[in-house]
Amino acid sequence: MRKALLVTAALLPLGVALPASAADTTTTFSLTAGALSVTAPASADLGSGSVGSPVTASLGSVSVSDNRGTLLGSWTVTVSSSDFTTGAQSADETIGKANVSYWSGLATAFSGTAVLVPGQAAALNAVALGTSATAFSATGTVGNNTATWSPTVVVTPPAAAVVGTYTGTITHSVA
């Protein structure tokens, strides 16, 4: 018993001393939201075809960058088209946007946390761009994320279309 008291008494000076006083500092910081943006090729050449036959090609990579840092957020990319025209842009020199079809395909690259939903996963799901359509969307986003896909565009010229180089605009918007 006497040995236990001596050992305990000898160890007391080695113990941690309690502070005479302590002060806590509540510390805060903020994370600010970045931007939600979409990028697409500035131009694309779909190639050539015969009057009355579809012209089909990849538009190139389209990407969304979501740097808003949301918890269970979402985004949707819509796609629309203008009419395609050549020459003096008469009726026979115009291929209406309803003759332009689009399908997104699956994501070719992705980072972050989200549930990605292609607007049109396969060619048989292609949509005419007479009105705007959903190209791609994401739900359940957590933090920052990115997604990339390579959509296919199909232009079906009417039989009355004239020969020429046609120009139009395909627009992707994200919200």
N, C-alpha and C. Protein backbone atom coordinates (compact mmCIF):
# COMPACT_ATOMS: atom_id res chain seq x y z
N MET A 1 0.82 -1.18 0.00
CA MET A 1 0.00 0.00 0.00
C MET A 1 0.87 1.25 0.00
N ARG A 2 1.94 1.19 0.79
CA ARG A 2 2.83 2.32 0.90
C ARG A 2 3.54 2.60 -0.42
N LYS A 3 3.90 1.55 -1.18
CA LYS A 3 4.56 1.71 -2.47
C LYS A 3 3.62 2.38 -3.47
N ALA A 4 2.34 2.05 -3.48
CA ALA A 4 1.38 2.64 -4.41
C ALA A 4 1.25 4.13 -4.15
N LEU A 5 1.24 4.56 -2.91
CA LEU A 5 1.14 5.98 -2.59
C LEU A 5 2.37 6.74 -3.05
N LEU A 6 3.54 6.13 -2.89
CA LEU A 6 4.76 6.77 -3.31
C LEU A 6 4.82 6.93 -4.83
N VAL A 7 4.38 5.91 -5.58
CA VAL A 7 4.38 5.97 -7.05
C VAL A 7 3.40 7.03 -7.52
N THR A 8 2.24 7.08 -6.94
CA THR A 8 1.23 8.07 -7.31
C THR A 8 1.73 9.47 -7.00
N ALA A 9 2.32 9.66 -5.84
CA ALA A 9 2.82 10.97 -5.46
C ALA A 9 3.97 11.40 -6.36
N ALA A 10 4.77 10.45 -6.83
CA ALA A 10 5.90 10.77 -7.70
C ALA A 10 5.42 11.16 -9.10
N LEU A 11 4.31 10.62 -9.57
CA LEU A 11 3.82 10.90 -10.93
C LEU A 11 3.01 12.20 -11.00
N LEU A 12 2.49 12.70 -9.94
CA LEU A 12 1.66 13.90 -9.96
C LEU A 12 2.37 15.10 -10.57
N PRO A 13 3.63 15.36 -10.28
CA PRO A 13 4.28 16.53 -10.89
C PRO A 13 4.43 16.37 -12.40
N LEU A 14 4.41 15.15 -12.98
CA LEU A 14 4.55 14.93 -14.41
C LEU A 14 3.22 15.10 -15.15
N GLY A 15 2.13 15.17 -14.50
CA GLY A 15 0.81 15.27 -15.13
C GLY A 15 0.62 16.61 -15.81
N VAL A 16 -0.47 16.71 -16.55
CA VAL A 16 -0.79 17.94 -17.27
C VAL A 16 -1.41 18.92 -16.29
N ALA A 17 -0.89 20.08 -16.29
CA ALA A 17 -1.43 21.11 -15.40
C ALA A 17 -2.64 21.75 -16.06
N LEU A 18 -3.65 22.03 -15.32
CA LEU A 18 -4.83 22.70 -15.82
C LEU A 18 -4.53 24.18 -15.99
N PRO A 19 -5.04 24.80 -17.07
CA PRO A 19 -4.76 26.23 -17.25
C PRO A 19 -5.46 27.05 -16.17
N ALA A 20 -4.86 28.16 -15.89
CA ALA A 20 -5.45 29.07 -14.92
C ALA A 20 -6.71 29.69 -15.51
N SER A 21 -6.71 29.89 -16.86
CA SER A 21 -7.92 30.37 -17.53
C SER A 21 -7.83 29.95 -19.00
N ALA A 22 -8.96 29.94 -19.71
CA ALA A 22 -9.00 29.56 -21.13
C ALA A 22 -9.96 30.50 -21.85
N ALA A 23 -9.70 30.72 -23.13
CA ALA A 23 -10.59 31.58 -23.93
C ALA A 23 -10.83 30.90 -25.28
N ASP A 24 -12.09 30.72 -25.64
CA ASP A 24 -12.47 30.13 -26.92
C ASP A 24 -12.75 31.25 -27.92
N THR A 25 -12.38 31.02 -29.20
CA THR A 25 -12.68 31.96 -30.27
C THR A 25 -13.56 31.25 -31.28
N THR A 26 -14.79 31.72 -31.44
CA THR A 26 -15.65 31.18 -32.48
C THR A 26 -15.15 31.72 -33.81
N THR A 27 -14.78 30.83 -34.72
CA THR A 27 -14.14 31.21 -35.97
C THR A 27 -15.04 30.81 -37.14
N THR A 28 -15.24 31.71 -38.08
CA THR A 28 -16.10 31.43 -39.23
C THR A 28 -15.40 31.81 -40.53
N PHE A 29 -15.88 31.27 -41.62
CA PHE A 29 -15.46 31.68 -42.96
C PHE A 29 -16.59 31.36 -43.91
N SER A 30 -16.56 31.93 -45.09
CA SER A 30 -17.62 31.75 -46.08
C SER A 30 -17.06 31.16 -47.36
N LEU A 31 -17.83 30.33 -47.99
CA LEU A 31 -17.55 29.86 -49.35
C LEU A 31 -18.56 30.54 -50.26
N THR A 32 -18.09 31.17 -51.30
CA THR A 32 -19.00 31.85 -52.21
C THR A 32 -19.24 31.01 -53.45
N ALA A 33 -20.39 31.18 -54.03
CA ALA A 33 -20.79 30.41 -55.21
C ALA A 33 -20.08 30.93 -56.45
N GLY A 34 -19.70 29.99 -57.30
CA GLY A 34 -19.15 30.33 -58.61
C GLY A 34 -20.27 30.37 -59.63
N ALA A 35 -19.91 30.19 -60.88
CA ALA A 35 -20.88 30.32 -61.97
C ALA A 35 -21.33 28.96 -62.50
N LEU A 36 -22.46 28.98 -63.15
CA LEU A 36 -22.97 27.85 -63.92
C LEU A 36 -22.86 28.25 -65.38
N SER A 37 -22.12 27.47 -66.19
CA SER A 37 -21.90 27.87 -67.57
C SER A 37 -21.90 26.67 -68.51
N VAL A 38 -22.14 26.95 -69.77
CA VAL A 38 -22.10 25.92 -70.82
C VAL A 38 -21.18 26.42 -71.93
N THR A 39 -20.40 25.51 -72.50
CA THR A 39 -19.55 25.84 -73.64
C THR A 39 -19.83 24.85 -74.76
N ALA A 40 -19.71 25.33 -75.97
CA ALA A 40 -19.92 24.51 -77.17
C ALA A 40 -18.96 25.01 -78.24
N PRO A 41 -18.70 24.20 -79.24
CA PRO A 41 -17.80 24.66 -80.31
C PRO A 41 -18.32 25.96 -80.95
N ALA A 42 -17.40 26.84 -81.30
CA ALA A 42 -17.78 28.11 -81.93
C ALA A 42 -18.33 27.87 -83.33
N SER A 43 -17.87 26.81 -83.98
CA SER A 43 -18.39 26.47 -85.31
C SER A 43 -18.25 24.98 -85.52
N ALA A 44 -19.04 24.45 -86.43
CA ALA A 44 -18.99 23.03 -86.76
C ALA A 44 -19.34 22.87 -88.23
N ASP A 45 -18.63 22.00 -88.90
CA ASP A 45 -18.91 21.68 -90.30
C ASP A 45 -19.51 20.28 -90.32
N LEU A 46 -20.77 20.17 -90.69
CA LEU A 46 -21.45 18.88 -90.69
C LEU A 46 -21.14 18.06 -91.94
N GLY A 47 -20.36 18.61 -92.84
CA GLY A 47 -20.01 17.88 -94.06
C GLY A 47 -20.97 18.25 -95.19
N SER A 48 -21.18 17.30 -96.10
CA SER A 48 -22.06 17.58 -97.23
C SER A 48 -22.92 16.36 -97.52
N GLY A 49 -23.95 16.58 -98.29
CA GLY A 49 -24.88 15.51 -98.68
C GLY A 49 -25.62 15.91 -99.93
N SER A 50 -26.51 15.05 -100.34
CA SER A 50 -27.32 15.30 -101.54
C SER A 50 -28.64 15.94 -101.15
N VAL A 51 -29.21 16.71 -102.08
CA VAL A 51 -30.52 17.31 -101.85
C VAL A 51 -31.51 16.19 -101.53
N GLY A 52 -32.26 16.36 -100.46
CA GLY A 52 -33.26 15.37 -100.05
C GLY A 52 -32.71 14.27 -99.16
N SER A 53 -31.40 14.22 -98.94
CA SER A 53 -30.79 13.20 -98.08
C SER A 53 -30.27 13.85 -96.80
N PRO A 54 -30.41 13.17 -95.66
CA PRO A 54 -29.95 13.74 -94.40
C PRO A 54 -28.43 13.92 -94.35
N VAL A 55 -28.02 14.96 -93.68
CA VAL A 55 -26.60 15.21 -93.37
C VAL A 55 -26.47 15.01 -91.87
N THR A 56 -25.61 14.08 -91.46
CA THR A 56 -25.48 13.70 -90.05
C THR A 56 -24.03 13.82 -89.62
N ALA A 57 -23.79 14.48 -88.49
CA ALA A 57 -22.43 14.60 -87.96
C ALA A 57 -22.47 15.01 -86.50
N SER A 58 -21.35 14.80 -85.83
CA SER A 58 -21.20 15.26 -84.46
C SER A 58 -21.01 16.77 -84.45
N LEU A 59 -21.63 17.41 -83.49
CA LEU A 59 -21.46 18.85 -83.33
C LEU A 59 -20.13 19.18 -82.65
N GLY A 60 -19.56 18.23 -81.94
CA GLY A 60 -18.36 18.45 -81.13
C GLY A 60 -18.74 18.44 -79.67
N SER A 61 -17.78 18.60 -78.80
CA SER A 61 -18.02 18.49 -77.35
C SER A 61 -18.75 19.71 -76.80
N VAL A 62 -19.78 19.43 -76.02
CA VAL A 62 -20.53 20.46 -75.28
C VAL A 62 -20.30 20.15 -73.81
N SER A 63 -19.99 21.18 -73.01
CA SER A 63 -19.67 20.96 -71.59
C SER A 63 -20.40 21.94 -70.69
N VAL A 64 -20.77 21.44 -69.52
CA VAL A 64 -21.33 22.28 -68.46
C VAL A 64 -20.34 22.28 -67.31
N SER A 65 -20.10 23.47 -66.75
CA SER A 65 -19.31 23.63 -65.52
C SER A 65 -20.22 24.25 -64.48
N ASP A 66 -20.46 23.51 -63.43
CA ASP A 66 -21.30 23.99 -62.33
C ASP A 66 -20.41 24.22 -61.12
N ASN A 67 -20.05 25.48 -60.90
CA ASN A 67 -19.17 25.85 -59.79
C ASN A 67 -19.93 26.58 -58.69
N ARG A 68 -21.23 26.29 -58.57
CA ARG A 68 -22.06 26.97 -57.58
C ARG A 68 -21.95 26.35 -56.20
N GLY A 69 -21.41 25.13 -56.10
CA GLY A 69 -21.24 24.50 -54.79
C GLY A 69 -22.54 24.20 -54.08
N THR A 70 -23.55 23.78 -54.81
CA THR A 70 -24.87 23.55 -54.22
C THR A 70 -24.96 22.19 -53.53
N LEU A 71 -25.90 22.08 -52.63
CA LEU A 71 -26.24 20.82 -51.99
C LEU A 71 -27.58 20.38 -52.56
N LEU A 72 -27.57 19.27 -53.26
CA LEU A 72 -28.77 18.72 -53.91
C LEU A 72 -29.34 19.72 -54.92
N GLY A 73 -28.47 20.31 -55.71
CA GLY A 73 -28.87 21.25 -56.75
C GLY A 73 -29.21 20.53 -58.05
N SER A 74 -29.44 21.32 -59.09
CA SER A 74 -29.74 20.75 -60.40
C SER A 74 -29.41 21.78 -61.48
N TRP A 75 -29.30 21.30 -62.70
CA TRP A 75 -29.17 22.18 -63.86
C TRP A 75 -29.77 21.48 -65.07
N THR A 76 -30.19 22.28 -66.05
CA THR A 76 -30.75 21.75 -67.29
C THR A 76 -30.21 22.56 -68.45
N VAL A 77 -29.71 21.85 -69.47
CA VAL A 77 -29.25 22.49 -70.69
C VAL A 77 -30.33 22.30 -71.75
N THR A 78 -30.74 23.40 -72.36
CA THR A 78 -31.68 23.33 -73.48
C THR A 78 -30.94 23.64 -74.76
N VAL A 79 -31.44 23.09 -75.86
CA VAL A 79 -30.82 23.30 -77.17
C VAL A 79 -31.89 23.80 -78.12
N SER A 80 -31.51 24.72 -78.98
CA SER A 80 -32.43 25.25 -79.99
C SER A 80 -31.65 25.48 -81.28
N SER A 81 -32.37 25.69 -82.35
CA SER A 81 -31.73 25.91 -83.65
C SER A 81 -32.42 27.05 -84.38
N SER A 82 -31.64 27.73 -85.19
CA SER A 82 -32.22 28.69 -86.13
C SER A 82 -32.51 27.95 -87.43
N ASP A 83 -33.14 28.61 -88.38
CA ASP A 83 -33.25 28.06 -89.72
C ASP A 83 -31.85 28.08 -90.34
N PHE A 84 -31.61 27.20 -91.30
CA PHE A 84 -30.34 27.20 -92.05
C PHE A 84 -30.62 27.80 -93.42
N THR A 85 -29.77 28.74 -93.85
CA THR A 85 -30.02 29.44 -95.11
C THR A 85 -28.77 29.49 -95.97
N THR A 86 -28.98 29.72 -97.25
CA THR A 86 -27.89 29.93 -98.20
C THR A 86 -28.33 31.02 -99.17
N GLY A 87 -27.41 31.56 -99.92
CA GLY A 87 -27.75 32.55 -100.96
C GLY A 87 -28.56 33.71 -100.43
N ALA A 88 -29.63 34.04 -101.15
CA ALA A 88 -30.49 35.17 -100.80
C ALA A 88 -31.51 34.82 -99.72
N GLN A 89 -31.47 33.62 -99.20
CA GLN A 89 -32.34 33.16 -98.13
C GLN A 89 -33.81 33.10 -98.50
N SER A 90 -34.09 32.83 -99.78
CA SER A 90 -35.48 32.66 -100.21
C SER A 90 -36.02 31.36 -99.61
N ALA A 91 -37.29 31.08 -99.83
CA ALA A 91 -37.91 29.86 -99.29
C ALA A 91 -37.17 28.61 -99.75
N ASP A 92 -36.73 28.57 -100.99
CA ASP A 92 -36.01 27.39 -101.50
C ASP A 92 -34.55 27.37 -101.03
N GLU A 93 -34.09 28.47 -100.44
CA GLU A 93 -32.73 28.56 -99.92
C GLU A 93 -32.72 28.51 -98.39
N THR A 94 -33.81 27.99 -97.82
CA THR A 94 -33.95 27.90 -96.37
C THR A 94 -34.35 26.48 -95.97
N ILE A 95 -33.63 25.94 -95.04
CA ILE A 95 -34.00 24.66 -94.42
C ILE A 95 -34.45 25.01 -93.01
N GLY A 96 -35.73 24.82 -92.76
CA GLY A 96 -36.32 25.21 -91.48
C GLY A 96 -35.76 24.42 -90.31
N LYS A 97 -35.77 25.06 -89.14
CA LYS A 97 -35.24 24.42 -87.94
C LYS A 97 -35.99 23.14 -87.57
N ALA A 98 -37.21 22.98 -88.03
CA ALA A 98 -37.96 21.74 -87.79
C ALA A 98 -37.32 20.57 -88.53
N ASN A 99 -36.46 20.85 -89.52
CA ASN A 99 -35.75 19.80 -90.27
C ASN A 99 -34.39 19.49 -89.65
N VAL A 100 -34.12 20.07 -88.49
CA VAL A 100 -32.86 19.84 -87.78
C VAL A 100 -33.19 18.99 -86.55
N SER A 101 -32.54 17.82 -86.45
CA SER A 101 -32.73 16.93 -85.30
C SER A 101 -31.45 16.86 -84.49
N TYR A 102 -31.61 16.50 -83.21
CA TYR A 102 -30.49 16.51 -82.26
C TYR A 102 -30.65 15.33 -81.33
N TRP A 103 -29.55 14.69 -81.04
CA TRP A 103 -29.53 13.73 -79.92
C TRP A 103 -28.21 13.85 -79.19
N SER A 104 -28.31 13.91 -77.86
CA SER A 104 -27.15 14.21 -77.01
C SER A 104 -26.19 13.04 -76.89
N GLY A 105 -26.70 11.83 -76.83
CA GLY A 105 -25.86 10.70 -76.48
C GLY A 105 -25.57 10.75 -74.99
N LEU A 106 -24.74 9.83 -74.52
CA LEU A 106 -24.38 9.76 -73.11
C LEU A 106 -23.22 10.70 -72.81
N ALA A 107 -22.97 10.94 -71.55
CA ALA A 107 -21.83 11.78 -71.15
C ALA A 107 -20.53 11.10 -71.58
N THR A 108 -19.61 11.90 -72.11
CA THR A 108 -18.30 11.39 -72.48
C THR A 108 -17.26 11.67 -71.40
N ALA A 109 -17.57 12.59 -70.49
CA ALA A 109 -16.70 12.90 -69.35
C ALA A 109 -17.57 13.51 -68.25
N PHE A 110 -17.13 13.30 -67.00
CA PHE A 110 -17.88 13.82 -65.86
C PHE A 110 -16.96 13.92 -64.66
N SER A 111 -17.19 14.94 -63.83
CA SER A 111 -16.51 15.03 -62.54
C SER A 111 -17.50 15.57 -61.52
N GLY A 112 -17.28 15.20 -60.26
CA GLY A 112 -18.15 15.67 -59.19
C GLY A 112 -19.22 14.66 -58.85
N THR A 113 -20.24 15.15 -58.12
CA THR A 113 -21.35 14.32 -57.68
C THR A 113 -22.64 14.85 -58.27
N ALA A 114 -23.32 14.02 -59.06
CA ALA A 114 -24.61 14.39 -59.66
C ALA A 114 -25.20 13.17 -60.34
N VAL A 115 -26.49 13.21 -60.54
CA VAL A 115 -27.17 12.19 -61.35
C VAL A 115 -27.39 12.83 -62.72
N LEU A 116 -26.67 12.33 -63.74
CA LEU A 116 -26.75 12.88 -65.09
C LEU A 116 -27.87 12.21 -65.88
N VAL A 117 -28.60 13.03 -66.63
CA VAL A 117 -29.69 12.51 -67.46
C VAL A 117 -29.54 13.07 -68.87
N PRO A 118 -29.15 12.22 -69.84
CA PRO A 118 -29.07 12.71 -71.22
C PRO A 118 -30.46 13.02 -71.75
N GLY A 119 -30.56 14.07 -72.55
CA GLY A 119 -31.85 14.41 -73.14
C GLY A 119 -32.32 13.34 -74.11
N GLN A 120 -31.40 12.80 -74.89
CA GLN A 120 -31.69 11.77 -75.87
C GLN A 120 -30.50 10.81 -75.88
N ALA A 121 -30.63 9.69 -75.21
CA ALA A 121 -29.50 8.78 -75.04
C ALA A 121 -29.06 8.10 -76.33
N ALA A 122 -29.99 7.91 -77.26
CA ALA A 122 -29.66 7.17 -78.49
C ALA A 122 -30.27 7.85 -79.70
N ALA A 123 -29.79 7.48 -80.88
CA ALA A 123 -30.26 8.09 -82.13
C ALA A 123 -31.77 7.97 -82.29
N LEU A 124 -32.36 6.88 -81.84
CA LEU A 124 -33.81 6.72 -82.01
C LEU A 124 -34.59 7.68 -81.14
N ASN A 125 -33.92 8.36 -80.20
CA ASN A 125 -34.57 9.37 -79.35
C ASN A 125 -34.37 10.79 -79.86
N ALA A 126 -33.77 10.95 -81.04
CA ALA A 126 -33.50 12.29 -81.59
C ALA A 126 -34.77 13.14 -81.61
N VAL A 127 -34.60 14.44 -81.36
CA VAL A 127 -35.74 15.36 -81.35
C VAL A 127 -35.53 16.44 -82.40
N ALA A 128 -36.61 16.82 -83.05
CA ALA A 128 -36.57 17.93 -84.01
C ALA A 128 -36.46 19.23 -83.23
N LEU A 129 -35.67 20.17 -83.74
CA LEU A 129 -35.45 21.43 -83.03
C LEU A 129 -36.36 22.55 -83.54
N GLY A 130 -37.56 22.18 -84.00
CA GLY A 130 -38.56 23.19 -84.33
C GLY A 130 -38.87 24.04 -83.10
N THR A 131 -38.78 23.43 -81.93
CA THR A 131 -38.86 24.13 -80.64
C THR A 131 -37.67 23.66 -79.81
N SER A 132 -37.34 24.41 -78.77
CA SER A 132 -36.19 24.02 -77.95
C SER A 132 -36.47 22.70 -77.23
N ALA A 133 -35.40 22.00 -76.91
CA ALA A 133 -35.51 20.70 -76.25
C ALA A 133 -34.45 20.59 -75.17
N THR A 134 -34.64 19.67 -74.24
CA THR A 134 -33.62 19.42 -73.23
C THR A 134 -32.49 18.62 -73.85
N ALA A 135 -31.28 19.13 -73.72
CA ALA A 135 -30.10 18.42 -74.24
C ALA A 135 -29.51 17.51 -73.17
N PHE A 136 -29.42 18.00 -71.94
CA PHE A 136 -28.82 17.24 -70.85
C PHE A 136 -29.27 17.87 -69.54
N SER A 137 -29.31 17.09 -68.48
CA SER A 137 -29.65 17.66 -67.17
C SER A 137 -28.93 16.89 -66.08
N ALA A 138 -28.90 17.49 -64.90
CA ALA A 138 -28.31 16.85 -63.72
C ALA A 138 -29.18 17.18 -62.52
N THR A 139 -29.33 16.21 -61.64
CA THR A 139 -30.03 16.41 -60.37
C THR A 139 -29.13 15.90 -59.25
N GLY A 140 -29.48 16.26 -58.04
CA GLY A 140 -28.72 15.78 -56.88
C GLY A 140 -27.27 16.23 -56.88
N THR A 141 -26.98 17.39 -57.46
CA THR A 141 -25.60 17.86 -57.50
C THR A 141 -25.14 18.24 -56.09
N VAL A 142 -23.89 17.89 -55.79
CA VAL A 142 -23.29 18.24 -54.51
C VAL A 142 -21.94 18.86 -54.80
N GLY A 143 -21.76 20.12 -54.40
CA GLY A 143 -20.51 20.81 -54.68
C GLY A 143 -20.39 21.14 -56.16
N ASN A 144 -19.17 21.24 -56.64
CA ASN A 144 -18.92 21.57 -58.03
C ASN A 144 -18.94 20.30 -58.89
N ASN A 145 -19.36 20.44 -60.15
CA ASN A 145 -19.39 19.29 -61.06
C ASN A 145 -19.28 19.77 -62.50
N THR A 146 -18.86 18.87 -63.38
CA THR A 146 -18.80 19.14 -64.82
C THR A 146 -19.34 17.94 -65.57
N ALA A 147 -19.84 18.19 -66.77
CA ALA A 147 -20.31 17.12 -67.64
C ALA A 147 -20.04 17.51 -69.09
N THR A 148 -19.66 16.54 -69.90
CA THR A 148 -19.38 16.76 -71.32
C THR A 148 -20.07 15.68 -72.13
N TRP A 149 -20.62 16.06 -73.28
CA TRP A 149 -21.21 15.11 -74.22
C TRP A 149 -20.93 15.59 -75.63
N SER A 150 -21.12 14.72 -76.59
CA SER A 150 -20.83 15.04 -77.99
C SER A 150 -22.09 14.76 -78.82
N PRO A 151 -22.98 15.75 -78.93
CA PRO A 151 -24.26 15.52 -79.60
C PRO A 151 -24.12 15.32 -81.11
N THR A 152 -25.10 14.65 -81.65
CA THR A 152 -25.18 14.44 -83.09
C THR A 152 -26.31 15.29 -83.65
N VAL A 153 -26.05 15.93 -84.78
CA VAL A 153 -27.04 16.77 -85.46
C VAL A 153 -27.36 16.13 -86.80
N VAL A 154 -28.65 16.09 -87.12
CA VAL A 154 -29.11 15.55 -88.40
C VAL A 154 -29.95 16.64 -89.08
N VAL A 155 -29.52 17.07 -90.26
CA VAL A 155 -30.28 18.05 -91.04
C VAL A 155 -30.86 17.31 -92.23
N THR A 156 -32.19 17.38 -92.36
CA THR A 156 -32.88 16.71 -93.47
C THR A 156 -33.41 17.78 -94.42
N PRO A 157 -32.69 18.04 -95.51
CA PRO A 157 -33.14 19.09 -96.44
C PRO A 157 -34.39 18.62 -97.19
N PRO A 158 -35.36 19.51 -97.39
CA PRO A 158 -36.53 19.14 -98.19
C PRO A 158 -36.13 18.97 -99.66
N ALA A 159 -36.93 18.26 -100.40
CA ALA A 159 -36.64 18.00 -101.82
C ALA A 159 -36.52 19.29 -102.62
N ALA A 160 -37.18 20.37 -102.17
CA ALA A 160 -37.15 21.64 -102.91
C ALA A 160 -35.92 22.48 -102.57
N ALA A 161 -35.07 22.04 -101.64
CA ALA A 161 -33.89 22.82 -101.26
C ALA A 161 -32.93 22.92 -102.44
N VAL A 162 -32.29 24.08 -102.57
CA VAL A 162 -31.32 24.28 -103.64
C VAL A 162 -29.91 23.98 -103.14
N VAL A 163 -29.02 23.73 -104.08
CA VAL A 163 -27.63 23.45 -103.76
C VAL A 163 -26.98 24.71 -103.19
N GLY A 164 -26.13 24.55 -102.19
CA GLY A 164 -25.41 25.68 -101.60
C GLY A 164 -24.84 25.30 -100.25
N THR A 165 -24.11 26.20 -99.68
CA THR A 165 -23.58 26.03 -98.32
C THR A 165 -24.55 26.73 -97.37
N TYR A 166 -25.14 25.96 -96.48
CA TYR A 166 -26.15 26.48 -95.56
C TYR A 166 -25.52 26.79 -94.21
N THR A 167 -25.97 27.87 -93.61
CA THR A 167 -25.46 28.30 -92.31
C THR A 167 -26.63 28.55 -91.37
N GLY A 168 -26.49 28.06 -90.16
CA GLY A 168 -27.48 28.30 -89.11
C GLY A 168 -26.77 28.28 -87.77
N THR A 169 -27.53 28.44 -86.71
CA THR A 169 -26.95 28.47 -85.36
C THR A 169 -27.68 27.50 -84.47
N ILE A 170 -26.91 26.66 -83.79
CA ILE A 170 -27.45 25.78 -82.76
C ILE A 170 -26.98 26.35 -81.43
N THR A 171 -27.93 26.61 -80.53
CA THR A 171 -27.64 27.29 -79.27
C THR A 171 -27.92 26.39 -78.08
N HIS A 172 -26.95 26.30 -77.17
CA HIS A 172 -27.12 25.58 -75.90
C HIS A 172 -27.21 26.62 -74.78
N SER A 173 -28.18 26.47 -73.89
CA SER A 173 -28.35 27.38 -72.75
C SER A 173 -28.49 26.53 -71.48
N VAL A 174 -27.95 27.02 -70.37
CA VAL A 174 -28.03 26.28 -69.12
C VAL A 174 -28.67 27.13 -68.04
N ALA A 175 -29.48 26.50 -67.23
CA ALA A 175 -30.11 27.17 -66.09
C ALA A 175 -30.27 26.15 -64.99
